Amino acid sequence: MVVLPLVLLGVSAILPGVDGSPLGSEDALLRQTAGDAIALLVVAALVTLLGGWRSVVSERRTRSRWGVVLLVGYALVAAATFTTPLRPDSGDYLGALAVAVVAVALVEELVYRGTLVAGFRRVLPEWVVWLLSTATFALAHALGQGLDGLFQVQMTFVLGSAAYLARRVTGSIVGPVVVHVLYNAVQGFRTQTSDGVPFLLSAGSTLFLLAAAVVGLIVAIRHPRDHHRA
């Protein structure tokens, strides 16, 4: 999924008579994803050289009944959102979106809930690890947006805290990747719906995510991780 955008854009550039990509005409989305694919390769190389894969991608699971309930609730409401009727011309965009959301989530989660969390844990208390990794994730999405991106930064902070919780309760980087994929997929999907996402689904997903973000902070405070080296 991560390498696919690079292949598609390469085929479009090399072969004559190929207009756009096999996923449709959303080449701008694919170019962004190709950049994320390159970033992922760089991060993977650095982590490999530093020998930190174990602490980056996994940890002991933390028991949090409320955390599990809220994350599962969010996943179910997000999945229900995809039953909303779509516009007839949405196929090309959704094809590119499917590739983009996976690539973006993999890159950003390996960076923010992976390498940053593992690195900060060597020297900082867990609640500071939560704060710094989540705030860095949110502020990175504010670059070049000015005041118009304030709401996005706030929601990205919430997403980051919920993703942190997903890492803690699943014991794996896969948890935050899934949460991130669902969030980005819903945001892109809603732009292609014929009449918009029903209010109950939209409000429900936001409330579940907000509650999961709060529990993420509580888990960081009440269940600190031991400092360790990879």
C-alpha atoms as a PDB file:
ATOM      1  CA  MET A   1       0.000   0.000   0.000  1.00  0.00           C
ATOM      2  CA  VAL A   2       2.856   2.389   0.779  1.00  0.00           C
ATOM      3  CA  VAL A   3       4.947   1.601  -2.314  1.00  0.00           C
ATOM      4  CA  LEU A   4       1.910   1.506  -4.647  1.00  0.00           C
ATOM      5  CA  PRO A   5       1.664   5.310  -5.175  1.00  0.00           C
ATOM      6  CA  LEU A   6       5.312   5.413  -6.275  1.00  0.00           C
ATOM      7  CA  VAL A   7       4.679   2.614  -8.764  1.00  0.00           C
ATOM      8  CA  LEU A   8       1.489   4.188 -10.129  1.00  0.00           C
ATOM      9  CA  LEU A   9       3.036   7.613 -10.616  1.00  0.00           C
ATOM     10  CA  GLY A  10       6.089   6.025 -12.233  1.00  0.00           C
ATOM     11  CA  VAL A  11       3.944   4.078 -14.692  1.00  0.00           C
ATOM     12  CA  SER A  12       1.967   7.227 -15.548  1.00  0.00           C
ATOM     13  CA  ALA A  13       5.188   9.147 -16.250  1.00  0.00           C
ATOM     14  CA  ILE A  14       6.981   6.448 -18.269  1.00  0.00           C
ATOM     15  CA  LEU A  15       4.350   4.752 -20.403  1.00  0.00           C
ATOM     16  CA  PRO A  16       2.956   6.777 -23.321  1.00  0.00           C
ATOM     17  CA  GLY A  17      -0.781   7.114 -23.584  1.00  0.00           C
ATOM     18  CA  VAL A  18      -1.421   6.549 -19.890  1.00  0.00           C
ATOM     19  CA  ASP A  19      -3.585   9.380 -18.577  1.00  0.00           C
ATOM     20  CA  GLY A  20      -3.306   9.735 -14.827  1.00  0.00           C
ATOM     21  CA  SER A  21      -3.097   6.570 -12.759  1.00  0.00           C
ATOM     22  CA  PRO A  22      -5.008   3.283 -12.555  1.00  0.00           C
ATOM     23  CA  LEU A  23      -6.656   4.592  -9.406  1.00  0.00           C
ATOM     24  CA  GLY A  24      -8.199   7.531 -11.219  1.00  0.00           C
ATOM     25  CA  SER A  25      -7.355  11.156 -11.815  1.00  0.00           C
ATOM     26  CA  GLU A  26      -6.495  12.091  -8.228  1.00  0.00           C
ATOM     27  CA  ASP A  27      -2.776  12.439  -8.923  1.00  0.00           C
ATOM     28  CA  ALA A  28      -2.315  15.224  -6.352  1.00  0.00           C
ATOM     29  CA  LEU A  29      -3.457  12.861  -3.606  1.00  0.00           C
ATOM     30  CA  LEU A  30      -1.114  10.176  -4.896  1.00  0.00           C
ATOM     31  CA  ARG A  31       1.826  12.586  -5.023  1.00  0.00           C
ATOM     32  CA  GLN A  32       1.268  13.444  -1.361  1.00  0.00           C
ATOM     33  CA  THR A  33       1.123   9.752  -0.564  1.00  0.00           C
ATOM     34  CA  ALA A  34       4.318   9.127  -2.518  1.00  0.00           C
ATOM     35  CA  GLY A  35       6.035  11.682  -0.300  1.00  0.00           C
ATOM     36  CA  ASP A  36       4.788   9.820   2.770  1.00  0.00           C
ATOM     37  CA  ALA A  37       6.106   6.569   1.305  1.00  0.00           C
ATOM     38  CA  ILE A  38       9.580   8.078   0.977  1.00  0.00           C
ATOM     39  CA  ALA A  39       9.372   9.429   4.536  1.00  0.00           C
ATOM     40  CA  LEU A  40       8.422   5.966   5.793  1.00  0.00           C
ATOM     41  CA  LEU A  41      11.464   4.427   4.109  1.00  0.00           C
ATOM     42  CA  VAL A  42      13.706   7.040   5.763  1.00  0.00           C
ATOM     43  CA  VAL A  43      12.163   6.441   9.210  1.00  0.00           C
ATOM     44  CA  ALA A  44      12.479   2.669   8.767  1.00  0.00           C
ATOM     45  CA  ALA A  45      16.150   3.013   7.841  1.00  0.00           C
ATOM     46  CA  LEU A  46      16.906   5.226  10.855  1.00  0.00           C
ATOM     47  CA  VAL A  47      15.115   2.974  13.335  1.00  0.00           C
ATOM     48  CA  THR A  48      16.902  -0.047  11.886  1.00  0.00           C
ATOM     49  CA  LEU A  49      20.302   1.638  12.235  1.00  0.00           C
ATOM     50  CA  LEU A  50      19.566   2.671  15.826  1.00  0.00           C
ATOM     51  CA  GLY A  51      18.241  -0.774  16.715  1.00  0.00           C
ATOM     52  CA  GLY A  52      14.972   0.399  18.260  1.00  0.00           C
ATOM     53  CA  TRP A  53      12.252  -1.537  16.437  1.00  0.00           C
ATOM     54  CA  ARG A  54      11.049  -3.498  19.467  1.00  0.00           C
ATOM     55  CA  SER A  55      10.275  -0.443  21.601  1.00  0.00           C
ATOM     56  CA  VAL A  56       8.909   1.461  18.585  1.00  0.00           C
ATOM     57  CA  VAL A  57       6.317  -1.064  17.466  1.00  0.00           C
ATOM     58  CA  SER A  58       5.309  -2.873  20.662  1.00  0.00           C
ATOM     59  CA  GLU A  59       5.005  -2.725  24.452  1.00  0.00           C
ATOM     60  CA  ARG A  60       3.189  -4.476  27.270  1.00  0.00           C
ATOM     61  CA  ARG A  61      -0.546  -3.999  27.018  1.00  0.00           C
ATOM     62  CA  THR A  62      -2.198  -1.726  29.564  1.00  0.00           C
ATOM     63  CA  ARG A  63      -5.526  -2.806  31.006  1.00  0.00           C
ATOM     64  CA  SER A  64      -8.173  -0.142  30.518  1.00  0.00           C
ATOM     65  CA  ARG A  65     -11.743  -1.336  30.150  1.00  0.00           C
ATOM     66  CA  TRP A  66     -13.018   2.121  29.316  1.00  0.00           C
ATOM     67  CA  GLY A  67     -10.228   2.596  26.818  1.00  0.00           C
ATOM     68  CA  VAL A  68     -11.155  -0.564  24.948  1.00  0.00           C
ATOM     69  CA  VAL A  69     -14.888   0.249  25.026  1.00  0.00           C
ATOM     70  CA  LEU A  70     -14.369   3.760  23.669  1.00  0.00           C
ATOM     71  CA  LEU A  71     -11.974   2.715  20.910  1.00  0.00           C
ATOM     72  CA  VAL A  72     -14.245  -0.125  19.790  1.00  0.00           C
ATOM     73  CA  GLY A  73     -17.215   2.263  19.894  1.00  0.00           C
ATOM     74  CA  TYR A  74     -15.341   4.757  17.739  1.00  0.00           C
ATOM     75  CA  ALA A  75     -14.401   2.036  15.245  1.00  0.00           C
ATOM     76  CA  LEU A  76     -18.011   0.858  14.961  1.00  0.00           C
ATOM     77  CA  VAL A  77     -19.421   4.365  14.440  1.00  0.00           C
ATOM     78  CA  ALA A  78     -16.677   5.163  11.913  1.00  0.00           C
ATOM     79  CA  ALA A  79     -17.433   1.942  10.019  1.00  0.00           C
ATOM     80  CA  ALA A  80     -21.151   2.803  10.000  1.00  0.00           C
ATOM     81  CA  THR A  81     -20.284   6.139   8.378  1.00  0.00           C
ATOM     82  CA  PHE A  82     -19.163   4.275   5.258  1.00  0.00           C
ATOM     83  CA  THR A  83     -22.758   3.158   4.642  1.00  0.00           C
ATOM     84  CA  THR A  84     -23.736   6.759   3.777  1.00  0.00           C
ATOM     85  CA  PRO A  85     -24.819   7.131   0.101  1.00  0.00           C
ATOM     86  CA  LEU A  86     -22.133   8.507  -2.215  1.00  0.00           C
ATOM     87  CA  ARG A  87     -22.084  10.788  -5.222  1.00  0.00           C
ATOM     88  CA  PRO A  88     -21.978   8.909  -8.560  1.00  0.00           C
ATOM     89  CA  ASP A  89     -18.582  10.405  -9.500  1.00  0.00           C
ATOM     90  CA  SER A  90     -16.747   9.492  -6.281  1.00  0.00           C
ATOM     91  CA  GLY A  91     -15.066   6.274  -7.453  1.00  0.00           C
ATOM     92  CA  ASP A  92     -11.755   7.741  -8.633  1.00  0.00           C
ATOM     93  CA  TYR A  93     -11.260   9.809  -5.490  1.00  0.00           C
ATOM     94  CA  LEU A  94     -12.073   6.939  -3.148  1.00  0.00           C
ATOM     95  CA  GLY A  95      -9.598   4.673  -4.928  1.00  0.00           C
ATOM     96  CA  ALA A  96      -6.767   7.129  -4.360  1.00  0.00           C
ATOM     97  CA  LEU A  97      -8.013   7.860  -0.831  1.00  0.00           C
ATOM     98  CA  ALA A  98      -7.800   4.186   0.130  1.00  0.00           C
ATOM     99  CA  VAL A  99      -4.094   4.181  -0.680  1.00  0.00           C
ATOM    100  CA  ALA A 100      -3.432   7.609   0.847  1.00  0.00           C
ATOM    101  CA  VAL A 101      -4.979   7.007   4.265  1.00  0.00           C
ATOM    102  CA  VAL A 102      -2.989   3.830   4.854  1.00  0.00           C
ATOM    103  CA  ALA A 103       0.323   5.382   3.799  1.00  0.00           C
ATOM    104  CA  VAL A 104      -0.215   8.562   5.857  1.00  0.00           C
ATOM    105  CA  ALA A 105      -1.290   6.622   8.949  1.00  0.00           C
ATOM    106  CA  LEU A 106       1.700   4.268   8.762  1.00  0.00           C
ATOM    107  CA  VAL A 107       4.203   7.089   8.422  1.00  0.00           C
ATOM    108  CA  GLU A 108       2.751   9.382  11.072  1.00  0.00           C
ATOM    109  CA  GLU A 109       2.117   6.659  13.634  1.00  0.00           C
ATOM    110  CA  LEU A 110       5.617   5.216  13.277  1.00  0.00           C
ATOM    111  CA  VAL A 111       6.970   8.732  13.819  1.00  0.00           C
ATOM    112  CA  TYR A 112       4.716  10.082  16.579  1.00  0.00           C
ATOM    113  CA  ARG A 113       3.376   7.036  18.451  1.00  0.00           C
ATOM    114  CA  GLY A 114       6.409   4.952  17.523  1.00  0.00           C
ATOM    115  CA  THR A 115       9.803   6.645  17.494  1.00  0.00           C
ATOM    116  CA  LEU A 116       8.860   9.706  19.572  1.00  0.00           C
ATOM    117  CA  VAL A 117       7.080   7.721  22.284  1.00  0.00           C
ATOM    118  CA  ALA A 118       9.908   5.185  22.497  1.00  0.00           C
ATOM    119  CA  GLY A 119      12.570   7.907  22.542  1.00  0.00           C
ATOM    120  CA  PHE A 120      10.867  10.194  25.073  1.00  0.00           C
ATOM    121  CA  ARG A 121      10.299   7.250  27.425  1.00  0.00           C
ATOM    122  CA  ARG A 122      14.022   6.918  27.956  1.00  0.00           C
ATOM    123  CA  VAL A 123      14.212  10.217  29.821  1.00  0.00           C
ATOM    124  CA  LEU A 124      10.728  11.571  30.600  1.00  0.00           C
ATOM    125  CA  PRO A 125       7.704  10.694  32.766  1.00  0.00           C
ATOM    126  CA  GLU A 126       4.893   9.009  30.863  1.00  0.00           C
ATOM    127  CA  TRP A 127       2.431  11.910  31.068  1.00  0.00           C
ATOM    128  CA  VAL A 128       5.100  14.148  29.480  1.00  0.00           C
ATOM    129  CA  VAL A 129       5.618  11.492  26.804  1.00  0.00           C
ATOM    130  CA  TRP A 130       1.870  11.644  26.088  1.00  0.00           C
ATOM    131  CA  LEU A 131       1.886  15.450  26.000  1.00  0.00           C
ATOM    132  CA  LEU A 132       4.981  15.955  23.849  1.00  0.00           C
ATOM    133  CA  SER A 133       4.228  13.222  21.304  1.00  0.00           C
ATOM    134  CA  THR A 134       0.601  14.349  20.967  1.00  0.00           C
ATOM    135  CA  ALA A 135       1.363  18.084  20.855  1.00  0.00           C
ATOM    136  CA  THR A 136       4.139  17.598  18.301  1.00  0.00           C
ATOM    137  CA  PHE A 137       1.749  15.589  16.147  1.00  0.00           C
ATOM    138  CA  ALA A 138      -0.887  18.334  16.370  1.00  0.00           C
ATOM    139  CA  LEU A 139       1.480  21.251  15.775  1.00  0.00           C
ATOM    140  CA  ALA A 140       2.982  19.545  12.738  1.00  0.00           C
ATOM    141  CA  HIS A 141      -0.453  19.835  11.108  1.00  0.00           C
ATOM    142  CA  ALA A 142      -0.519  23.597  11.758  1.00  0.00           C
ATOM    143  CA  LEU A 143       2.445  24.370   9.516  1.00  0.00           C
ATOM    144  CA  GLY A 144       1.459  26.811   6.782  1.00  0.00           C
ATOM    145  CA  GLN A 145      -2.208  26.992   7.803  1.00  0.00           C
ATOM    146  CA  GLY A 146      -2.288  29.991  10.152  1.00  0.00           C
ATOM    147  CA  LEU A 147      -5.383  30.590  12.231  1.00  0.00           C
ATOM    148  CA  ASP A 148      -7.544  28.710   9.720  1.00  0.00           C
ATOM    149  CA  GLY A 149      -5.972  25.468  10.866  1.00  0.00           C
ATOM    150  CA  LEU A 150      -6.711  25.984  14.571  1.00  0.00           C
ATOM    151  CA  PHE A 151      -9.701  23.621  14.588  1.00  0.00           C
ATOM    152  CA  GLN A 152      -7.734  20.997  12.687  1.00  0.00           C
ATOM    153  CA  VAL A 153      -4.902  21.279  15.220  1.00  0.00           C
ATOM    154  CA  GLN A 154      -7.350  20.768  18.077  1.00  0.00           C
ATOM    155  CA  MET A 155      -8.904  17.712  16.455  1.00  0.00           C
ATOM    156  CA  THR A 156      -5.468  16.366  15.554  1.00  0.00           C
ATOM    157  CA  PHE A 157      -4.455  16.661  19.204  1.00  0.00           C
ATOM    158  CA  VAL A 158      -7.568  14.678  20.147  1.00  0.00           C
ATOM    159  CA  LEU A 159      -6.755  12.083  17.476  1.00  0.00           C
ATOM    160  CA  GLY A 160      -3.172  11.847  18.734  1.00  0.00           C
ATOM    161  CA  SER A 161      -4.264  11.206  22.313  1.00  0.00           C
ATOM    162  CA  ALA A 162      -6.753   8.551  21.187  1.00  0.00           C
ATOM    163  CA  ALA A 163      -4.009   6.933  19.092  1.00  0.00           C
ATOM    164  CA  TYR A 164      -1.718   6.955  22.130  1.00  0.00           C
ATOM    165  CA  LEU A 165      -4.456   5.151  24.080  1.00  0.00           C
ATOM    166  CA  ALA A 166      -4.783   2.620  21.239  1.00  0.00           C
ATOM    167  CA  ARG A 167      -1.059   1.858  21.466  1.00  0.00           C
ATOM    168  CA  ARG A 168      -1.279   1.344  25.222  1.00  0.00           C
ATOM    169  CA  VAL A 169      -4.320  -0.963  25.254  1.00  0.00           C
ATOM    170  CA  THR A 170      -3.308  -3.038  22.220  1.00  0.00           C
ATOM    171  CA  GLY A 171       0.410  -3.173  22.983  1.00  0.00           C
ATOM    172  CA  SER A 172       1.183  -2.596  19.316  1.00  0.00           C
ATOM    173  CA  ILE A 173       1.649   0.208  16.797  1.00  0.00           C
ATOM    174  CA  VAL A 174      -1.135  -1.459  14.793  1.00  0.00           C
ATOM    175  CA  GLY A 175      -3.742  -0.045  17.198  1.00  0.00           C
ATOM    176  CA  PRO A 176      -2.988   3.639  16.546  1.00  0.00           C
ATOM    177  CA  VAL A 177      -2.582   2.952  12.825  1.00  0.00           C
ATOM    178  CA  VAL A 178      -6.123   1.559  12.682  1.00  0.00           C
ATOM    179  CA  VAL A 179      -7.543   4.545  14.598  1.00  0.00           C
ATOM    180  CA  HIS A 180      -5.664   6.951  12.324  1.00  0.00           C
ATOM    181  CA  VAL A 181      -6.780   5.152   9.150  1.00  0.00           C
ATOM    182  CA  LEU A 182     -10.418   5.274  10.249  1.00  0.00           C
ATOM    183  CA  TYR A 183     -10.223   8.975  11.118  1.00  0.00           C
ATOM    184  CA  ASN A 184      -8.616  10.018   7.831  1.00  0.00           C
ATOM    185  CA  ALA A 185     -10.872   7.723   5.818  1.00  0.00           C
ATOM    186  CA  VAL A 186     -14.003   9.220   7.391  1.00  0.00           C
ATOM    187  CA  GLN A 187     -12.770  12.786   6.755  1.00  0.00           C
ATOM    188  CA  GLY A 188     -12.132  12.035   3.093  1.00  0.00           C
ATOM    189  CA  PHE A 189     -15.265   9.915   2.681  1.00  0.00           C
ATOM    190  CA  ARG A 190     -17.611  12.603   3.979  1.00  0.00           C
ATOM    191  CA  THR A 191     -16.593  14.959   1.138  1.00  0.00           C
ATOM    192  CA  GLN A 192     -17.949  12.434  -1.370  1.00  0.00           C
ATOM    193  CA  THR A 193     -21.349  11.756   0.194  1.00  0.00           C
ATOM    194  CA  SER A 194     -24.440  12.862  -1.677  1.00  0.00           C
ATOM    195  CA  ASP A 195     -26.240  14.426   1.315  1.00  0.00           C
ATOM    196  CA  GLY A 196     -23.529  14.551   3.980  1.00  0.00           C
ATOM    197  CA  VAL A 197     -22.938  12.226   6.922  1.00  0.00           C
ATOM    198  CA  PRO A 198     -25.949  11.852   9.271  1.00  0.00           C
ATOM    199  CA  PHE A 199     -25.645  14.038  12.371  1.00  0.00           C
ATOM    200  CA  LEU A 200     -25.795  11.130  14.829  1.00  0.00           C
ATOM    201  CA  LEU A 201     -22.902   9.356  13.143  1.00  0.00           C
ATOM    202  CA  SER A 202     -20.812  12.520  12.923  1.00  0.00           C
ATOM    203  CA  ALA A 203     -21.510  13.546  16.516  1.00  0.00           C
ATOM    204  CA  GLY A 204     -21.083   9.998  17.785  1.00  0.00           C
ATOM    205  CA  SER A 205     -17.641   9.538  16.253  1.00  0.00           C
ATOM    206  CA  THR A 206     -16.492  12.900  17.622  1.00  0.00           C
ATOM    207  CA  LEU A 207     -17.735  12.113  21.143  1.00  0.00           C
ATOM    208  CA  PHE A 208     -16.119   8.663  21.170  1.00  0.00           C
ATOM    209  CA  LEU A 209     -12.833  10.164  19.983  1.00  0.00           C
ATOM    210  CA  LEU A 210     -12.937  12.959  22.585  1.00  0.00           C
ATOM    211  CA  ALA A 211     -13.662  10.497  25.378  1.00  0.00           C
ATOM    212  CA  ALA A 212     -10.849   8.205  24.189  1.00  0.00           C
ATOM    213  CA  ALA A 213      -8.462  11.187  24.175  1.00  0.00           C
ATOM    214  CA  VAL A 214      -9.288  11.964  27.815  1.00  0.00           C
ATOM    215  CA  VAL A 215      -8.791   8.332  28.802  1.00  0.00           C
ATOM    216  CA  GLY A 216      -5.449   8.454  26.978  1.00  0.00           C
ATOM    217  CA  LEU A 217      -4.285  11.159  29.394  1.00  0.00           C
ATOM    218  CA  ILE A 218      -5.641   9.245  32.386  1.00  0.00           C
ATOM    219  CA  VAL A 219      -3.793   6.093  31.321  1.00  0.00           C
ATOM    220  CA  ALA A 220      -0.564   8.080  30.884  1.00  0.00           C
ATOM    221  CA  ILE A 221      -0.867   9.434  34.435  1.00  0.00           C
ATOM    222  CA  ARG A 222      -2.068   6.310  36.227  1.00  0.00           C
ATOM    223  CA  HIS A 223      -0.085   3.675  34.338  1.00  0.00           C
ATOM    224  CA  PRO A 224       3.426   4.980  33.679  1.00  0.00           C
ATOM    225  CA  ARG A 225       5.775   2.889  31.615  1.00  0.00           C
ATOM    226  CA  ASP A 226       9.166   1.788  32.911  1.00  0.00           C
ATOM    227  CA  HIS A 227      12.100   3.503  31.238  1.00  0.00           C
ATOM    228  CA  HIS A 228      13.920   1.024  29.051  1.00  0.00           C
ATOM    229  CA  ARG A 229      16.306   0.762  26.166  1.00  0.00           C
ATOM    230  CA  ALA A 230      15.580  -1.044  22.943  1.00  0.00           C
END
